[in-house]
Amino acid sequence: MKKNMGTLDRAVRIILSIVFAVLFFTGTVSGALGMVLLAAGGIFLATSLISFCPLYTMLGINTCGVKKNA
């Protein structure tokens, strides 16, 4: 897998996953919406940790910085 996520993208996803988890576990959001947010947060966290998003590959998006050859 080639990395396709930049540092800012990864940081935003990690922050969102923490917010989603806090909202769910404090009971602010519950039911089906809470479970969807919790699942989305898990996906965001997993993709952030491996720096690869399969959806980005299908859409042709790459937020990872371009490496320049000297």
C-alpha atoms as a PDB file:
ATOM      1  CA  MET A   1       0.000   0.000   0.000  1.00  0.00           C
ATOM      2  CA  LYS A   2       1.323   3.361  -0.989  1.00  0.00           C
ATOM      3  CA  LYS A   3       0.661   6.138   1.511  1.00  0.00           C
ATOM      4  CA  ASN A   4      -1.938   8.611   0.288  1.00  0.00           C
ATOM      5  CA  MET A   5      -2.694  10.650   3.426  1.00  0.00           C
ATOM      6  CA  GLY A   6      -0.812  13.723   4.587  1.00  0.00           C
ATOM      7  CA  THR A   7      -0.034  14.738   8.147  1.00  0.00           C
ATOM      8  CA  LEU A   8      -2.842  17.297   8.436  1.00  0.00           C
ATOM      9  CA  ASP A   9      -5.377  14.834   7.043  1.00  0.00           C
ATOM     10  CA  ARG A  10      -4.274  12.183   9.527  1.00  0.00           C
ATOM     11  CA  ALA A  11      -4.419  14.631  12.456  1.00  0.00           C
ATOM     12  CA  VAL A  12      -7.936  15.773  11.556  1.00  0.00           C
ATOM     13  CA  ARG A  13      -9.136  12.172  11.317  1.00  0.00           C
ATOM     14  CA  ILE A  14      -7.608  11.267  14.694  1.00  0.00           C
ATOM     15  CA  ILE A  15      -9.228  14.295  16.344  1.00  0.00           C
ATOM     16  CA  LEU A  16     -12.594  13.422  14.780  1.00  0.00           C
ATOM     17  CA  SER A  17     -12.343   9.823  15.971  1.00  0.00           C
ATOM     18  CA  ILE A  18     -11.651  11.029  19.523  1.00  0.00           C
ATOM     19  CA  VAL A  19     -14.606  13.443  19.370  1.00  0.00           C
ATOM     20  CA  PHE A  20     -16.910  10.705  18.053  1.00  0.00           C
ATOM     21  CA  ALA A  21     -15.819   8.317  20.813  1.00  0.00           C
ATOM     22  CA  VAL A  22     -16.329  10.947  23.523  1.00  0.00           C
ATOM     23  CA  LEU A  23     -19.791  11.809  22.182  1.00  0.00           C
ATOM     24  CA  PHE A  24     -20.775   8.143  22.173  1.00  0.00           C
ATOM     25  CA  PHE A  25     -19.339   7.110  25.531  1.00  0.00           C
ATOM     26  CA  THR A  26     -20.690  10.168  27.389  1.00  0.00           C
ATOM     27  CA  GLY A  27     -24.168   9.409  26.067  1.00  0.00           C
ATOM     28  CA  THR A  28     -24.477  12.676  24.135  1.00  0.00           C
ATOM     29  CA  VAL A  29     -25.160  10.700  20.955  1.00  0.00           C
ATOM     30  CA  SER A  30     -26.782   7.287  21.259  1.00  0.00           C
ATOM     31  CA  GLY A  31     -28.751   4.764  19.274  1.00  0.00           C
ATOM     32  CA  ALA A  32     -28.146   4.130  15.603  1.00  0.00           C
ATOM     33  CA  LEU A  33     -26.451   7.499  15.049  1.00  0.00           C
ATOM     34  CA  GLY A  34     -24.086   6.819  17.927  1.00  0.00           C
ATOM     35  CA  MET A  35     -23.125   3.441  16.498  1.00  0.00           C
ATOM     36  CA  VAL A  36     -22.550   4.953  13.044  1.00  0.00           C
ATOM     37  CA  LEU A  37     -20.342   7.690  14.504  1.00  0.00           C
ATOM     38  CA  LEU A  38     -18.407   5.138  16.544  1.00  0.00           C
ATOM     39  CA  ALA A  39     -17.845   2.978  13.451  1.00  0.00           C
ATOM     40  CA  ALA A  40     -16.787   6.010  11.398  1.00  0.00           C
ATOM     41  CA  GLY A  41     -14.385   7.008  14.169  1.00  0.00           C
ATOM     42  CA  GLY A  42     -12.866   3.524  14.153  1.00  0.00           C
ATOM     43  CA  ILE A  43     -12.387   3.671  10.401  1.00  0.00           C
ATOM     44  CA  PHE A  44     -10.866   7.154  10.644  1.00  0.00           C
ATOM     45  CA  LEU A  45      -8.456   5.997  13.339  1.00  0.00           C
ATOM     46  CA  ALA A  46      -7.430   2.871  11.435  1.00  0.00           C
ATOM     47  CA  THR A  47      -6.814   4.717   8.176  1.00  0.00           C
ATOM     48  CA  SER A  48      -4.857   7.399  10.027  1.00  0.00           C
ATOM     49  CA  LEU A  49      -2.585   4.871  11.677  1.00  0.00           C
ATOM     50  CA  ILE A  50      -1.693   3.189   8.376  1.00  0.00           C
ATOM     51  CA  SER A  51      -1.696   6.449   6.334  1.00  0.00           C
ATOM     52  CA  PHE A  52      -3.791   4.839   3.619  1.00  0.00           C
ATOM     53  CA  CYS A  53      -7.404   5.461   2.644  1.00  0.00           C
ATOM     54  CA  PRO A  54      -8.926   3.047   0.093  1.00  0.00           C
ATOM     55  CA  LEU A  55     -11.597   5.603  -0.836  1.00  0.00           C
ATOM     56  CA  TYR A  56      -8.880   8.113  -1.744  1.00  0.00           C
ATOM     57  CA  THR A  57      -7.386   5.542  -4.125  1.00  0.00           C
ATOM     58  CA  MET A  58     -10.727   5.021  -5.891  1.00  0.00           C
ATOM     59  CA  LEU A  59     -11.274   8.783  -6.186  1.00  0.00           C
ATOM     60  CA  GLY A  60      -7.674   9.564  -7.200  1.00  0.00           C
ATOM     61  CA  ILE A  61      -7.018  11.764  -4.157  1.00  0.00           C
ATOM     62  CA  ASN A  62      -3.581  12.025  -2.565  1.00  0.00           C
ATOM     63  CA  THR A  63      -3.011  14.436   0.347  1.00  0.00           C
ATOM     64  CA  CYS A  64       0.469  13.086   1.021  1.00  0.00           C
ATOM     65  CA  GLY A  65       3.200  15.573   0.166  1.00  0.00           C
ATOM     66  CA  VAL A  66       5.062  15.047  -3.088  1.00  0.00           C
ATOM     67  CA  LYS A  67       8.679  14.031  -2.606  1.00  0.00           C
ATOM     68  CA  LYS A  68      11.072  15.972  -4.797  1.00  0.00           C
ATOM     69  CA  ASN A  69      14.163  14.326  -6.208  1.00  0.00           C
ATOM     70  CA  ALA A  70      17.367  16.300  -5.765  1.00  0.00           C
END
